[in-house]
């Protein structure tokens, strides 16, 4: 498990400067466009960070049948 202090958040994009992004399916923390890590949710609550949500590639596949390539196109905002 990763702690908030040790999570590699240096890869945050412009859209995530103010928010921690969590997968709404599996609750993993987004640390890169296609990278999510297991995180203790109570630590997020204790830090009182602003949190938003998305789906990680695995949950997008599980719930919507998106392949990893299709998910990557969505992340890169390709049509």
N, C-alpha and C. Protein backbone atom coordinates (compact mmCIF):
# COMPACT_ATOMS: atom_id res chain seq x y z
N UNK A 1 0.84 -1.18 0.00
CA UNK A 1 0.00 0.00 0.00
C UNK A 1 0.89 1.24 0.00
N UNK A 2 0.45 2.24 -0.70
CA UNK A 2 1.18 3.49 -0.82
C UNK A 2 0.59 4.50 0.15
N UNK A 3 1.44 5.33 0.73
CA UNK A 3 0.95 6.42 1.56
C UNK A 3 0.91 7.68 0.72
N UNK A 4 0.14 8.65 1.15
CA UNK A 4 0.01 9.89 0.40
C UNK A 4 1.35 10.58 0.22
N UNK A 5 2.20 10.54 1.23
CA UNK A 5 3.51 11.18 1.14
C UNK A 5 4.44 10.45 0.19
N UNK A 6 4.26 9.15 0.00
CA UNK A 6 5.16 8.39 -0.86
C UNK A 6 4.60 8.19 -2.27
N UNK A 7 3.35 8.56 -2.52
CA UNK A 7 2.76 8.39 -3.85
C UNK A 7 3.44 9.33 -4.83
N UNK A 8 3.79 8.83 -6.01
CA UNK A 8 4.50 9.65 -7.00
C UNK A 8 3.55 10.60 -7.71
N UNK A 9 3.18 11.69 -7.06
CA UNK A 9 2.21 12.63 -7.61
C UNK A 9 2.84 13.68 -8.51
N UNK A 10 4.11 13.56 -8.81
CA UNK A 10 4.79 14.53 -9.67
C UNK A 10 4.24 14.51 -11.08
N UNK A 11 3.54 13.43 -11.45
CA UNK A 11 3.02 13.32 -12.81
C UNK A 11 1.65 13.94 -12.96
N UNK A 12 1.20 14.70 -11.99
CA UNK A 12 -0.11 15.34 -12.09
C UNK A 12 -0.17 16.23 -13.32
N UNK A 13 -1.30 16.17 -14.00
CA UNK A 13 -1.50 17.02 -15.16
C UNK A 13 -2.16 18.31 -14.76
N UNK A 14 -2.39 19.19 -15.71
CA UNK A 14 -2.99 20.49 -15.41
C UNK A 14 -4.38 20.33 -14.82
N UNK A 15 -5.11 19.28 -15.23
CA UNK A 15 -6.47 19.10 -14.72
C UNK A 15 -6.52 18.54 -13.31
N UNK A 16 -5.40 18.09 -12.77
CA UNK A 16 -5.41 17.49 -11.44
C UNK A 16 -4.58 18.28 -10.44
N UNK A 17 -4.21 19.51 -10.76
CA UNK A 17 -3.39 20.29 -9.85
C UNK A 17 -4.06 20.53 -8.51
N UNK A 18 -5.38 20.61 -8.50
CA UNK A 18 -6.08 20.92 -7.27
C UNK A 18 -6.77 19.71 -6.65
N UNK A 19 -6.75 18.57 -7.32
CA UNK A 19 -7.50 17.41 -6.86
C UNK A 19 -6.65 16.16 -6.84
N UNK A 20 -6.96 15.27 -5.90
CA UNK A 20 -6.48 13.90 -5.98
C UNK A 20 -7.57 13.15 -6.73
N UNK A 21 -7.19 12.34 -7.71
CA UNK A 21 -8.17 11.63 -8.52
C UNK A 21 -8.18 10.17 -8.09
N UNK A 22 -9.36 9.66 -7.75
CA UNK A 22 -9.53 8.30 -7.25
C UNK A 22 -10.47 7.55 -8.18
N UNK A 23 -10.14 6.28 -8.47
CA UNK A 23 -11.02 5.45 -9.28
C UNK A 23 -12.29 5.16 -8.47
N UNK A 24 -13.44 5.43 -9.08
CA UNK A 24 -14.70 5.22 -8.36
C UNK A 24 -15.09 3.74 -8.32
N UNK A 25 -14.37 2.89 -9.07
CA UNK A 25 -14.64 1.47 -9.02
C UNK A 25 -13.85 0.75 -7.95
N UNK A 26 -12.53 0.96 -7.95
CA UNK A 26 -11.65 0.21 -7.04
C UNK A 26 -11.00 1.09 -5.97
N UNK A 27 -11.20 2.40 -6.04
CA UNK A 27 -10.70 3.36 -5.04
C UNK A 27 -9.18 3.55 -5.06
N UNK A 28 -8.53 3.17 -6.19
CA UNK A 28 -7.10 3.41 -6.28
C UNK A 28 -6.84 4.86 -6.68
N UNK A 29 -5.70 5.40 -6.28
CA UNK A 29 -5.31 6.78 -6.53
C UNK A 29 -4.59 6.89 -7.86
N UNK A 30 -4.98 7.88 -8.69
CA UNK A 30 -4.30 8.08 -9.97
C UNK A 30 -3.01 8.86 -9.73
N UNK A 31 -1.90 8.30 -10.23
CA UNK A 31 -0.59 8.96 -10.09
C UNK A 31 0.01 9.28 -11.46
N UNK A 32 -0.65 8.89 -12.51
CA UNK A 32 -0.24 9.17 -13.88
C UNK A 32 -1.43 8.95 -14.78
N UNK A 33 -1.33 9.31 -16.06
CA UNK A 33 -2.48 9.18 -16.94
C UNK A 33 -3.04 7.75 -17.01
N UNK A 34 -2.17 6.75 -16.94
CA UNK A 34 -2.62 5.36 -17.01
C UNK A 34 -2.18 4.57 -15.79
N UNK A 35 -1.78 5.24 -14.73
CA UNK A 35 -1.21 4.55 -13.57
C UNK A 35 -2.01 4.88 -12.30
N UNK A 36 -2.45 3.84 -11.63
CA UNK A 36 -3.21 3.96 -10.39
C UNK A 36 -2.54 3.09 -9.33
N UNK A 37 -2.55 3.55 -8.08
CA UNK A 37 -1.94 2.78 -6.99
C UNK A 37 -2.94 2.62 -5.85
N UNK A 38 -2.78 1.52 -5.10
CA UNK A 38 -3.62 1.27 -3.93
C UNK A 38 -3.26 2.30 -2.87
N UNK A 39 -4.28 2.86 -2.25
CA UNK A 39 -4.09 3.93 -1.29
C UNK A 39 -5.03 3.72 -0.12
N UNK A 40 -4.60 4.07 1.06
CA UNK A 40 -5.45 3.98 2.23
C UNK A 40 -6.45 5.13 2.20
N UNK A 41 -7.75 4.87 2.04
CA UNK A 41 -8.74 5.96 1.93
C UNK A 41 -8.83 6.81 3.18
N UNK A 42 -8.51 6.24 4.33
CA UNK A 42 -8.58 7.02 5.56
C UNK A 42 -7.50 8.10 5.58
N UNK A 43 -6.37 7.83 4.94
CA UNK A 43 -5.32 8.84 4.88
C UNK A 43 -5.77 10.03 4.04
N UNK A 44 -6.49 9.77 2.95
CA UNK A 44 -7.03 10.87 2.14
C UNK A 44 -7.99 11.71 2.97
N UNK A 45 -8.83 11.03 3.75
CA UNK A 45 -9.80 11.74 4.59
C UNK A 45 -9.09 12.59 5.63
N UNK A 46 -8.05 12.03 6.24
CA UNK A 46 -7.31 12.77 7.26
C UNK A 46 -6.64 14.00 6.68
N UNK A 47 -6.14 13.91 5.45
CA UNK A 47 -5.46 15.03 4.80
C UNK A 47 -6.46 16.09 4.33
N UNK A 48 -7.73 15.71 4.22
CA UNK A 48 -8.78 16.62 3.76
C UNK A 48 -8.44 17.22 2.39
N UNK A 49 -7.87 16.39 1.53
CA UNK A 49 -7.54 16.83 0.17
C UNK A 49 -8.83 16.93 -0.64
N UNK A 50 -8.80 17.76 -1.67
CA UNK A 50 -9.90 17.80 -2.63
C UNK A 50 -9.79 16.56 -3.50
N UNK A 51 -10.89 15.82 -3.60
CA UNK A 51 -10.87 14.56 -4.30
C UNK A 51 -11.90 14.60 -5.43
N UNK A 52 -11.51 14.06 -6.59
CA UNK A 52 -12.44 13.86 -7.68
C UNK A 52 -12.34 12.39 -8.09
N UNK A 53 -13.06 12.00 -9.13
CA UNK A 53 -13.10 10.59 -9.47
C UNK A 53 -13.00 10.37 -10.98
N UNK A 54 -12.66 9.16 -11.33
CA UNK A 54 -12.60 8.67 -12.70
C UNK A 54 -12.68 7.16 -12.63
N UNK A 55 -12.42 6.48 -13.72
CA UNK A 55 -12.27 5.03 -13.73
C UNK A 55 -10.85 4.70 -14.16
N UNK A 56 -10.24 3.73 -13.51
CA UNK A 56 -8.93 3.26 -13.93
C UNK A 56 -9.12 2.36 -15.16
N UNK A 57 -8.05 2.03 -15.89
CA UNK A 57 -8.19 1.19 -17.08
C UNK A 57 -8.85 -0.17 -16.79
N UNK A 58 -8.52 -0.77 -15.66
CA UNK A 58 -9.09 -2.07 -15.32
C UNK A 58 -10.59 -1.98 -15.05
N UNK A 59 -11.02 -0.96 -14.32
CA UNK A 59 -12.45 -0.81 -14.04
C UNK A 59 -13.22 -0.38 -15.28
N UNK A 60 -12.60 0.43 -16.16
CA UNK A 60 -13.24 0.80 -17.42
C UNK A 60 -13.48 -0.45 -18.27
N UNK A 61 -12.54 -1.38 -18.23
CA UNK A 61 -12.71 -2.64 -18.94
C UNK A 61 -13.80 -3.48 -18.27
N UNK A 62 -13.76 -3.58 -16.96
CA UNK A 62 -14.72 -4.40 -16.22
C UNK A 62 -16.15 -3.90 -16.41
N UNK A 63 -16.38 -2.59 -16.26
CA UNK A 63 -17.73 -2.05 -16.28
C UNK A 63 -18.24 -1.69 -17.67
N UNK A 64 -17.32 -1.29 -18.59
CA UNK A 64 -17.75 -0.83 -19.90
C UNK A 64 -17.14 -1.59 -21.07
N UNK A 65 -16.24 -2.53 -20.80
CA UNK A 65 -15.63 -3.31 -21.86
C UNK A 65 -14.58 -2.56 -22.67
N UNK A 66 -14.05 -1.45 -22.13
CA UNK A 66 -13.04 -0.68 -22.85
C UNK A 66 -11.71 -1.43 -22.81
N UNK A 67 -11.09 -1.57 -23.96
CA UNK A 67 -9.74 -2.13 -23.98
C UNK A 67 -8.77 -1.09 -23.44
N UNK A 68 -7.57 -1.53 -23.10
CA UNK A 68 -6.55 -0.60 -22.60
C UNK A 68 -6.22 0.44 -23.68
N UNK A 69 -6.19 0.04 -24.95
CA UNK A 69 -5.92 0.98 -26.05
C UNK A 69 -7.03 2.01 -26.18
N UNK A 70 -8.29 1.56 -26.07
CA UNK A 70 -9.41 2.50 -26.15
C UNK A 70 -9.36 3.48 -24.97
N UNK A 71 -9.07 2.98 -23.79
CA UNK A 71 -8.95 3.84 -22.61
C UNK A 71 -7.84 4.88 -22.83
N UNK A 72 -6.70 4.45 -23.38
CA UNK A 72 -5.58 5.37 -23.62
C UNK A 72 -5.99 6.47 -24.60
N UNK A 73 -6.78 6.13 -25.61
CA UNK A 73 -7.26 7.15 -26.55
C UNK A 73 -8.16 8.16 -25.85
N UNK A 74 -8.99 7.68 -24.95
CA UNK A 74 -9.86 8.60 -24.20
C UNK A 74 -9.03 9.52 -23.32
N UNK A 75 -8.03 8.96 -22.65
CA UNK A 75 -7.17 9.76 -21.78
C UNK A 75 -6.43 10.83 -22.59
N UNK A 76 -5.99 10.45 -23.80
CA UNK A 76 -5.29 11.41 -24.67
C UNK A 76 -6.25 12.29 -25.43
N UNK A 77 -7.57 12.09 -25.23
CA UNK A 77 -8.64 12.86 -25.86
C UNK A 77 -8.61 12.76 -27.38
N UNK A 78 -8.33 11.53 -27.86
CA UNK A 78 -8.40 11.26 -29.29
C UNK A 78 -9.80 10.76 -29.62
N UNK A 79 -10.19 10.88 -30.87
CA UNK A 79 -11.51 10.38 -31.27
C UNK A 79 -11.38 9.09 -32.03
